[in-house]
């Protein structure tokens, strides 16, 4: 849902981050992409084990907090190594979110069905789909925020360093 829009924004803004904030070769953004994606792929099993051990809701909350906090080191990153560590933390948090979000949706549907003795998966799925369709608005606002933070202007390399 919205977390995928956020991650799309992160991945789409990575080249700007590499070029205008880190001021390193564009080709090195591959390292940051790899840090996010490889850590995320590897950590899905870790988050699934945590859900089995501690339960869904507490781990979902931890995953959301981990993803939110993972962006803090990226704000302070000033080199490829520090950005790679920050990207790995984002990958860890993202793995937790993608591992738990669909389970949360299923839990909502199960509890609704149990409480009201009605099958409303279609309504709930449509509501989630509506939120997904808002993705364009949220992504547009997020790109505006990114362009403001990085002071990006089309065909301009940004403010003098």
N, C-alpha and C. Protein backbone atom coordinates (compact mmCIF):
# COMPACT_ATOMS: atom_id res chain seq x y z
N UNK A 1 0.83 -1.18 0.00
CA UNK A 1 0.00 0.00 0.00
C UNK A 1 0.88 1.25 0.00
N UNK A 2 0.70 2.09 0.99
CA UNK A 2 1.42 3.35 1.01
C UNK A 2 2.92 3.16 1.26
N UNK A 3 3.27 2.09 1.98
CA UNK A 3 4.68 1.85 2.22
C UNK A 3 5.41 1.56 0.91
N UNK A 4 4.72 0.91 -0.05
CA UNK A 4 5.38 0.65 -1.33
C UNK A 4 5.57 1.94 -2.11
N UNK A 5 4.64 2.89 -1.95
CA UNK A 5 4.81 4.20 -2.58
C UNK A 5 6.01 4.90 -1.98
N UNK A 6 6.15 4.79 -0.67
CA UNK A 6 7.30 5.40 0.00
C UNK A 6 8.61 4.80 -0.46
N UNK A 7 8.63 3.48 -0.60
CA UNK A 7 9.86 2.85 -1.04
C UNK A 7 10.13 3.17 -2.51
N UNK A 8 9.08 3.30 -3.31
CA UNK A 8 9.28 3.71 -4.70
C UNK A 8 9.92 5.08 -4.75
N UNK A 9 9.47 5.95 -3.88
CA UNK A 9 10.02 7.29 -3.80
C UNK A 9 11.49 7.25 -3.40
N UNK A 10 11.80 6.42 -2.42
CA UNK A 10 13.19 6.29 -1.97
C UNK A 10 14.07 5.83 -3.12
N UNK A 11 13.64 4.79 -3.82
CA UNK A 11 14.44 4.26 -4.91
C UNK A 11 14.52 5.24 -6.08
N UNK A 12 13.44 5.99 -6.33
CA UNK A 12 13.46 6.97 -7.42
C UNK A 12 14.33 8.18 -7.09
N UNK A 13 14.40 8.53 -5.82
CA UNK A 13 15.19 9.70 -5.44
C UNK A 13 16.65 9.37 -5.15
N UNK A 14 16.99 8.10 -5.13
CA UNK A 14 18.37 7.69 -4.83
C UNK A 14 19.40 8.33 -5.76
N UNK A 15 19.17 8.40 -7.09
CA UNK A 15 20.17 9.06 -7.94
C UNK A 15 20.40 10.53 -7.58
N UNK A 16 19.33 11.22 -7.16
CA UNK A 16 19.49 12.62 -6.75
C UNK A 16 20.30 12.71 -5.46
N UNK A 17 20.04 11.80 -4.55
CA UNK A 17 20.77 11.74 -3.29
C UNK A 17 22.25 11.51 -3.54
N UNK A 18 22.55 10.57 -4.44
CA UNK A 18 23.94 10.25 -4.76
C UNK A 18 24.64 11.43 -5.43
N UNK A 19 23.96 12.05 -6.38
CA UNK A 19 24.59 13.13 -7.15
C UNK A 19 24.69 14.44 -6.38
N UNK A 20 23.62 14.85 -5.74
CA UNK A 20 23.56 16.19 -5.16
C UNK A 20 23.91 16.25 -3.68
N UNK A 21 23.69 15.18 -2.95
CA UNK A 21 24.01 15.19 -1.53
C UNK A 21 25.39 14.57 -1.27
N UNK A 22 25.57 13.35 -1.77
CA UNK A 22 26.85 12.68 -1.55
C UNK A 22 27.95 13.19 -2.49
N UNK A 23 27.52 13.71 -3.64
CA UNK A 23 28.45 14.22 -4.66
C UNK A 23 29.48 13.16 -5.06
N UNK A 24 28.96 11.96 -5.34
CA UNK A 24 29.81 10.87 -5.81
C UNK A 24 29.31 10.44 -7.18
N UNK A 25 30.07 9.57 -7.82
CA UNK A 25 29.74 9.08 -9.16
C UNK A 25 28.37 8.41 -9.18
N UNK A 26 27.59 8.72 -10.20
CA UNK A 26 26.24 8.16 -10.33
C UNK A 26 26.25 6.63 -10.31
N UNK A 27 27.27 6.04 -10.85
CA UNK A 27 27.36 4.58 -10.91
C UNK A 27 27.41 3.93 -9.54
N UNK A 28 27.82 4.68 -8.54
CA UNK A 28 27.91 4.10 -7.20
C UNK A 28 26.54 3.99 -6.52
N UNK A 29 25.52 4.53 -7.15
CA UNK A 29 24.18 4.37 -6.58
C UNK A 29 23.77 2.90 -6.58
N UNK A 30 24.38 2.11 -7.44
CA UNK A 30 24.10 0.68 -7.48
C UNK A 30 24.40 0.03 -6.14
N UNK A 31 25.45 0.50 -5.48
CA UNK A 31 25.81 -0.04 -4.17
C UNK A 31 24.70 0.24 -3.17
N UNK A 32 24.13 1.43 -3.23
CA UNK A 32 23.07 1.78 -2.30
C UNK A 32 21.79 1.00 -2.60
N UNK A 33 21.47 0.85 -3.91
CA UNK A 33 20.32 0.03 -4.29
C UNK A 33 20.51 -1.40 -3.79
N UNK A 34 21.69 -1.93 -3.99
CA UNK A 34 21.98 -3.31 -3.56
C UNK A 34 21.86 -3.44 -2.05
N UNK A 35 22.34 -2.44 -1.32
CA UNK A 35 22.26 -2.50 0.14
C UNK A 35 20.80 -2.59 0.59
N UNK A 36 19.93 -1.79 0.00
CA UNK A 36 18.52 -1.81 0.37
C UNK A 36 17.90 -3.16 -0.01
N UNK A 37 18.04 -3.55 -1.26
CA UNK A 37 17.33 -4.72 -1.76
C UNK A 37 17.87 -6.04 -1.21
N UNK A 38 19.17 -6.19 -1.15
CA UNK A 38 19.73 -7.46 -0.66
C UNK A 38 19.45 -7.65 0.84
N UNK A 39 19.58 -6.59 1.60
CA UNK A 39 19.27 -6.68 3.03
C UNK A 39 17.77 -6.98 3.21
N UNK A 40 16.92 -6.31 2.43
CA UNK A 40 15.48 -6.55 2.54
C UNK A 40 15.14 -8.00 2.22
N UNK A 41 15.70 -8.52 1.16
CA UNK A 41 15.43 -9.91 0.78
C UNK A 41 15.90 -10.86 1.88
N UNK A 42 17.10 -10.62 2.39
CA UNK A 42 17.65 -11.50 3.41
C UNK A 42 16.94 -11.42 4.75
N UNK A 43 16.37 -10.27 5.06
CA UNK A 43 15.78 -10.07 6.39
C UNK A 43 14.31 -10.44 6.48
N UNK A 44 13.67 -10.77 5.38
CA UNK A 44 12.27 -11.20 5.44
C UNK A 44 12.14 -12.40 6.37
N UNK A 45 13.06 -13.34 6.27
CA UNK A 45 13.01 -14.53 7.14
C UNK A 45 13.21 -14.15 8.61
N UNK A 46 14.04 -13.16 8.87
CA UNK A 46 14.27 -12.70 10.25
C UNK A 46 12.97 -12.14 10.82
N UNK A 47 12.31 -11.27 10.04
CA UNK A 47 11.07 -10.66 10.52
C UNK A 47 9.97 -11.72 10.67
N UNK A 48 9.91 -12.68 9.77
CA UNK A 48 8.90 -13.75 9.89
C UNK A 48 9.12 -14.55 11.17
N UNK A 49 10.38 -14.83 11.50
CA UNK A 49 10.68 -15.54 12.74
C UNK A 49 10.28 -14.70 13.96
N UNK A 50 10.50 -13.40 13.89
CA UNK A 50 10.10 -12.52 14.99
C UNK A 50 8.59 -12.51 15.17
N UNK A 51 7.85 -12.51 14.05
CA UNK A 51 6.38 -12.54 14.12
C UNK A 51 5.93 -13.84 14.79
N UNK A 52 6.53 -14.97 14.40
CA UNK A 52 6.15 -16.25 15.00
C UNK A 52 6.44 -16.27 16.50
N UNK A 53 7.53 -15.64 16.90
CA UNK A 53 7.94 -15.69 18.31
C UNK A 53 7.17 -14.69 19.19
N UNK A 54 7.00 -13.45 18.70
CA UNK A 54 6.46 -12.39 19.55
C UNK A 54 5.05 -11.93 19.17
N UNK A 55 4.54 -12.39 18.07
CA UNK A 55 3.21 -11.99 17.64
C UNK A 55 3.25 -10.89 16.59
N UNK A 56 2.16 -10.77 15.87
CA UNK A 56 2.11 -9.87 14.72
C UNK A 56 2.12 -8.39 15.10
N UNK A 57 1.21 -7.97 15.96
CA UNK A 57 1.03 -6.54 16.23
C UNK A 57 2.30 -5.90 16.81
N UNK A 58 2.94 -6.49 17.82
CA UNK A 58 4.15 -5.84 18.34
C UNK A 58 5.28 -5.75 17.30
N UNK A 59 5.42 -6.78 16.49
CA UNK A 59 6.49 -6.78 15.49
C UNK A 59 6.16 -5.82 14.36
N UNK A 60 4.89 -5.70 14.00
CA UNK A 60 4.47 -4.72 12.99
C UNK A 60 4.84 -3.32 13.45
N UNK A 61 4.57 -3.02 14.71
CA UNK A 61 4.91 -1.70 15.25
C UNK A 61 6.42 -1.47 15.24
N UNK A 62 7.15 -2.49 15.64
CA UNK A 62 8.62 -2.38 15.63
C UNK A 62 9.12 -2.18 14.20
N UNK A 63 8.54 -2.88 13.25
CA UNK A 63 8.97 -2.76 11.85
C UNK A 63 8.72 -1.36 11.32
N UNK A 64 7.55 -0.79 11.61
CA UNK A 64 7.27 0.58 11.17
C UNK A 64 8.23 1.57 11.80
N UNK A 65 8.51 1.39 13.09
CA UNK A 65 9.45 2.28 13.78
C UNK A 65 10.86 2.10 13.22
N UNK A 66 11.24 0.86 12.95
CA UNK A 66 12.58 0.59 12.39
C UNK A 66 12.74 1.25 11.03
N UNK A 67 11.71 1.17 10.19
CA UNK A 67 11.79 1.80 8.88
C UNK A 67 11.87 3.32 9.01
N UNK A 68 11.05 3.89 9.86
CA UNK A 68 11.06 5.35 10.04
C UNK A 68 12.42 5.82 10.57
N UNK A 69 12.93 5.13 11.56
CA UNK A 69 14.22 5.52 12.15
C UNK A 69 15.40 5.27 11.21
N UNK A 70 15.23 4.34 10.28
CA UNK A 70 16.31 4.02 9.36
C UNK A 70 16.67 5.18 8.44
N UNK A 71 15.73 6.09 8.24
CA UNK A 71 16.00 7.23 7.36
C UNK A 71 16.87 8.30 8.04
N UNK A 72 16.94 8.29 9.35
CA UNK A 72 17.72 9.30 10.07
C UNK A 72 19.21 9.24 9.68
N UNK A 73 19.85 8.07 9.69
CA UNK A 73 21.26 8.04 9.28
C UNK A 73 21.49 8.52 7.85
N UNK A 74 20.51 8.30 6.96
CA UNK A 74 20.68 8.77 5.59
C UNK A 74 20.72 10.30 5.53
N UNK A 75 20.02 10.96 6.43
CA UNK A 75 20.03 12.42 6.46
C UNK A 75 21.45 12.93 6.78
N UNK A 76 22.15 12.20 7.61
CA UNK A 76 23.49 12.62 8.03
C UNK A 76 24.60 12.01 7.19
N UNK A 77 24.26 11.13 6.27
CA UNK A 77 25.28 10.47 5.44
C UNK A 77 26.00 11.50 4.58
N UNK A 78 27.31 11.37 4.52
CA UNK A 78 28.11 12.30 3.72
C UNK A 78 29.13 11.59 2.84
N UNK A 79 29.05 10.27 2.79
CA UNK A 79 29.97 9.49 1.96
C UNK A 79 29.28 8.19 1.57
N UNK A 80 29.90 7.49 0.62
CA UNK A 80 29.32 6.22 0.18
C UNK A 80 29.23 5.21 1.32
N UNK A 81 30.26 5.03 2.15
CA UNK A 81 30.14 4.04 3.24
C UNK A 81 29.02 4.37 4.24
N UNK A 82 28.89 5.64 4.62
CA UNK A 82 27.83 5.97 5.58
C UNK A 82 26.45 5.84 4.94
N UNK A 83 26.35 6.17 3.66
CA UNK A 83 25.08 6.01 2.95
C UNK A 83 24.74 4.53 2.78
N UNK A 84 25.74 3.68 2.57
CA UNK A 84 25.50 2.24 2.43
C UNK A 84 24.98 1.66 3.73
N UNK A 85 25.52 2.11 4.86
CA UNK A 85 25.03 1.64 6.16
C UNK A 85 23.58 2.10 6.35
N UNK A 86 23.31 3.36 6.04
CA UNK A 86 21.95 3.86 6.14
C UNK A 86 21.00 3.10 5.22
N UNK A 87 21.45 2.81 4.02
CA UNK A 87 20.61 2.06 3.06
C UNK A 87 20.34 0.65 3.56
N UNK A 88 21.33 0.03 4.18
CA UNK A 88 21.12 -1.30 4.74
C UNK A 88 20.08 -1.26 5.86
N UNK A 89 20.09 -0.21 6.67
CA UNK A 89 19.09 -0.06 7.72
C UNK A 89 17.69 0.13 7.13
N UNK A 90 17.61 0.88 6.04
CA UNK A 90 16.33 1.05 5.34
C UNK A 90 15.86 -0.31 4.82
N UNK A 91 16.75 -1.09 4.26
CA UNK A 91 16.40 -2.42 3.78
C UNK A 91 15.88 -3.31 4.89
N UNK A 92 16.49 -3.22 6.06
CA UNK A 92 16.05 -4.01 7.22
C UNK A 92 14.63 -3.60 7.62
N UNK A 93 14.39 -2.30 7.74
CA UNK A 93 13.06 -1.82 8.12
C UNK A 93 12.02 -2.15 7.07
N UNK A 94 12.38 -2.00 5.81
CA UNK A 94 11.46 -2.30 4.71
C UNK A 94 11.07 -3.77 4.73
N UNK A 95 12.03 -4.64 5.01
CA UNK A 95 11.73 -6.07 5.09
C UNK A 95 10.68 -6.34 6.16
N UNK A 96 10.80 -5.67 7.29
CA UNK A 96 9.82 -5.85 8.35
C UNK A 96 8.44 -5.38 7.95
N UNK A 97 8.38 -4.26 7.25
CA UNK A 97 7.09 -3.72 6.83
C UNK A 97 6.43 -4.62 5.79
N UNK A 98 7.20 -5.06 4.79
CA UNK A 98 6.58 -5.90 3.77
C UNK A 98 6.21 -7.28 4.32
N UNK A 99 6.91 -7.72 5.35
CA UNK A 99 6.59 -9.01 5.96
C UNK A 99 5.30 -8.93 6.76
N UNK A 100 5.03 -7.80 7.38
CA UNK A 100 3.89 -7.71 8.30
C UNK A 100 2.64 -7.07 7.71
N UNK A 101 2.74 -6.22 6.71
CA UNK A 101 1.58 -5.47 6.26
C UNK A 101 0.45 -6.35 5.71
N UNK A 102 0.75 -7.33 4.90
CA UNK A 102 -0.30 -8.21 4.38
C UNK A 102 -0.91 -9.04 5.51
N UNK A 103 -0.10 -9.40 6.48
CA UNK A 103 -0.62 -10.15 7.63
C UNK A 103 -1.59 -9.28 8.44
N UNK A 104 -1.30 -8.00 8.54
CA UNK A 104 -2.20 -7.07 9.23
C UNK A 104 -3.54 -7.00 8.49
N UNK A 105 -3.49 -6.89 7.16
CA UNK A 105 -4.73 -6.89 6.38
C UNK A 105 -5.54 -8.16 6.59
N UNK A 106 -4.87 -9.29 6.60
CA UNK A 106 -5.56 -10.56 6.82
C UNK A 106 -6.15 -10.62 8.22
N UNK A 107 -5.43 -10.10 9.20
CA UNK A 107 -5.92 -10.09 10.58
C UNK A 107 -7.18 -9.22 10.70
N UNK A 108 -7.19 -8.09 10.04
CA UNK A 108 -8.36 -7.21 10.07
C UNK A 108 -9.56 -7.95 9.48
N UNK A 109 -9.36 -8.61 8.34
CA UNK A 109 -10.45 -9.34 7.71
C UNK A 109 -10.95 -10.48 8.59
N UNK A 110 -10.03 -11.22 9.20
CA UNK A 110 -10.42 -12.34 10.07
C UNK A 110 -11.20 -11.85 11.29
N UNK A 111 -10.72 -10.79 11.92
CA UNK A 111 -11.40 -10.28 13.11
C UNK A 111 -12.77 -9.70 12.76
N UNK A 112 -12.86 -9.03 11.63
CA UNK A 112 -14.15 -8.49 11.19
C UNK A 112 -15.14 -9.64 10.95
N UNK A 113 -14.69 -10.69 10.30
CA UNK A 113 -15.55 -11.84 10.01
C UNK A 113 -16.00 -12.52 11.30
N UNK A 114 -15.09 -12.67 12.25
CA UNK A 114 -15.40 -13.31 13.52
C UNK A 114 -16.38 -12.45 14.35
N UNK A 115 -16.15 -11.14 14.38
CA UNK A 115 -16.95 -10.25 15.22
C UNK A 115 -18.37 -10.07 14.69
N UNK A 116 -18.53 -9.92 13.37
CA UNK A 116 -19.83 -9.60 12.80
C UNK A 116 -20.46 -10.76 12.05
N UNK A 117 -19.76 -11.87 11.96
CA UNK A 117 -20.24 -13.06 11.27
C UNK A 117 -20.65 -12.74 9.82
N UNK A 118 -19.89 -11.85 9.20
CA UNK A 118 -20.10 -11.47 7.80
C UNK A 118 -18.79 -11.63 7.05
N UNK A 119 -18.90 -11.92 5.78
CA UNK A 119 -17.72 -12.03 4.93
C UNK A 119 -17.62 -10.75 4.11
N UNK A 120 -16.71 -9.83 4.50
CA UNK A 120 -16.60 -8.54 3.81
C UNK A 120 -15.19 -8.33 3.24
N UNK A 121 -14.56 -9.42 2.82
CA UNK A 121 -13.22 -9.29 2.26
C UNK A 121 -13.19 -8.37 1.05
N UNK A 122 -14.25 -8.41 0.24
CA UNK A 122 -14.32 -7.57 -0.96
C UNK A 122 -14.33 -6.09 -0.61
N UNK A 123 -15.13 -5.72 0.38
CA UNK A 123 -15.20 -4.32 0.81
C UNK A 123 -13.85 -3.87 1.36
N UNK A 124 -13.28 -4.70 2.20
CA UNK A 124 -12.00 -4.34 2.81
C UNK A 124 -10.91 -4.26 1.75
N UNK A 125 -10.91 -5.22 0.82
CA UNK A 125 -9.91 -5.19 -0.26
C UNK A 125 -10.09 -3.95 -1.13
N UNK A 126 -11.33 -3.58 -1.39
CA UNK A 126 -11.58 -2.37 -2.18
C UNK A 126 -11.11 -1.12 -1.44
N UNK A 127 -11.31 -1.08 -0.14
CA UNK A 127 -10.83 0.07 0.64
C UNK A 127 -9.31 0.15 0.56
N UNK A 128 -8.65 -1.01 0.65
CA UNK A 128 -7.19 -1.02 0.51
C UNK A 128 -6.78 -0.60 -0.89
N UNK A 129 -7.54 -1.02 -1.89
CA UNK A 129 -7.26 -0.63 -3.27
C UNK A 129 -7.41 0.87 -3.46
N UNK A 130 -8.41 1.46 -2.82
CA UNK A 130 -8.59 2.90 -2.88
C UNK A 130 -7.37 3.62 -2.31
N UNK A 131 -6.86 3.11 -1.20
CA UNK A 131 -5.65 3.70 -0.61
C UNK A 131 -4.47 3.58 -1.57
N UNK A 132 -4.41 2.46 -2.26
CA UNK A 132 -3.34 2.29 -3.25
C UNK A 132 -3.47 3.29 -4.39
N UNK A 133 -4.71 3.60 -4.76
CA UNK A 133 -4.91 4.57 -5.84
C UNK A 133 -4.54 5.99 -5.42
N UNK A 134 -4.57 6.25 -4.14
CA UNK A 134 -4.11 7.55 -3.63
C UNK A 134 -2.58 7.67 -3.72
N UNK A 135 -1.96 6.58 -4.05
CA UNK A 135 -0.50 6.51 -4.17
C UNK A 135 0.04 7.65 -5.03
N UNK A 136 -0.61 7.97 -6.13
CA UNK A 136 -0.12 9.02 -7.04
C UNK A 136 -0.07 10.38 -6.36
N UNK A 137 -1.09 10.70 -5.60
CA UNK A 137 -1.12 11.98 -4.89
C UNK A 137 -0.03 12.02 -3.83
N UNK A 138 0.07 10.96 -3.08
CA UNK A 138 1.08 10.92 -2.01
C UNK A 138 2.48 10.93 -2.60
N UNK A 139 2.70 10.18 -3.67
CA UNK A 139 4.01 10.17 -4.32
C UNK A 139 4.34 11.55 -4.88
N UNK A 140 3.38 12.24 -5.47
CA UNK A 140 3.61 13.59 -5.97
C UNK A 140 4.01 14.55 -4.86
N UNK A 141 3.31 14.48 -3.74
CA UNK A 141 3.67 15.32 -2.60
C UNK A 141 5.07 14.97 -2.07
N UNK A 142 5.36 13.68 -2.06
CA UNK A 142 6.67 13.26 -1.58
C UNK A 142 7.78 13.73 -2.51
N UNK A 143 7.55 13.67 -3.83
CA UNK A 143 8.57 14.17 -4.77
C UNK A 143 8.76 15.68 -4.60
N UNK A 144 7.68 16.39 -4.32
CA UNK A 144 7.81 17.82 -4.03
C UNK A 144 8.70 18.03 -2.81
N UNK A 145 8.48 17.22 -1.78
CA UNK A 145 9.31 17.30 -0.58
C UNK A 145 10.77 17.01 -0.89
N UNK A 146 11.01 15.95 -1.67
CA UNK A 146 12.38 15.59 -2.04
C UNK A 146 13.03 16.71 -2.84
N UNK A 147 12.31 17.27 -3.80
CA UNK A 147 12.90 18.35 -4.61
C UNK A 147 13.19 19.56 -3.74
N UNK A 148 12.38 19.81 -2.73
CA UNK A 148 12.63 20.92 -1.81
C UNK A 148 13.84 20.63 -0.93
N UNK A 149 13.92 19.42 -0.40
CA UNK A 149 15.05 19.07 0.47
C UNK A 149 16.38 19.12 -0.27
N UNK A 150 16.39 18.59 -1.51
CA UNK A 150 17.63 18.56 -2.28
C UNK A 150 17.82 19.82 -3.11
N UNK A 151 16.87 20.74 -3.07
CA UNK A 151 16.89 21.99 -3.83
C UNK A 151 17.13 21.71 -5.32
N UNK A 152 16.44 20.71 -5.82
CA UNK A 152 16.59 20.30 -7.21
C UNK A 152 15.75 21.19 -8.11
N UNK A 153 16.36 21.61 -9.18
CA UNK A 153 15.65 22.34 -10.23
C UNK A 153 16.01 21.68 -11.55
N UNK A 154 15.01 21.49 -12.40
CA UNK A 154 15.26 20.84 -13.67
C UNK A 154 16.34 21.59 -14.44
N UNK A 155 17.30 20.87 -14.98
CA UNK A 155 18.45 21.35 -15.75
C UNK A 155 19.36 22.26 -14.95
N UNK A 156 19.32 22.17 -13.64
CA UNK A 156 20.21 22.95 -12.77
C UNK A 156 20.82 22.00 -11.74
N UNK A 157 22.11 22.06 -11.52
CA UNK A 157 22.74 21.12 -10.59
C UNK A 157 22.49 21.47 -9.12
N UNK A 158 21.69 22.47 -8.83
CA UNK A 158 21.42 22.81 -7.44
C UNK A 158 22.24 24.00 -6.99
N UNK A 159 22.14 24.32 -5.72
CA UNK A 159 22.85 25.49 -5.21
C UNK A 159 24.36 25.23 -5.19
N UNK A 160 25.17 26.31 -5.26
CA UNK A 160 26.62 26.12 -5.19
C UNK A 160 27.03 25.49 -3.86
N UNK A 161 28.01 24.63 -3.93
CA UNK A 161 28.47 23.94 -2.72
C UNK A 161 29.36 24.84 -1.89
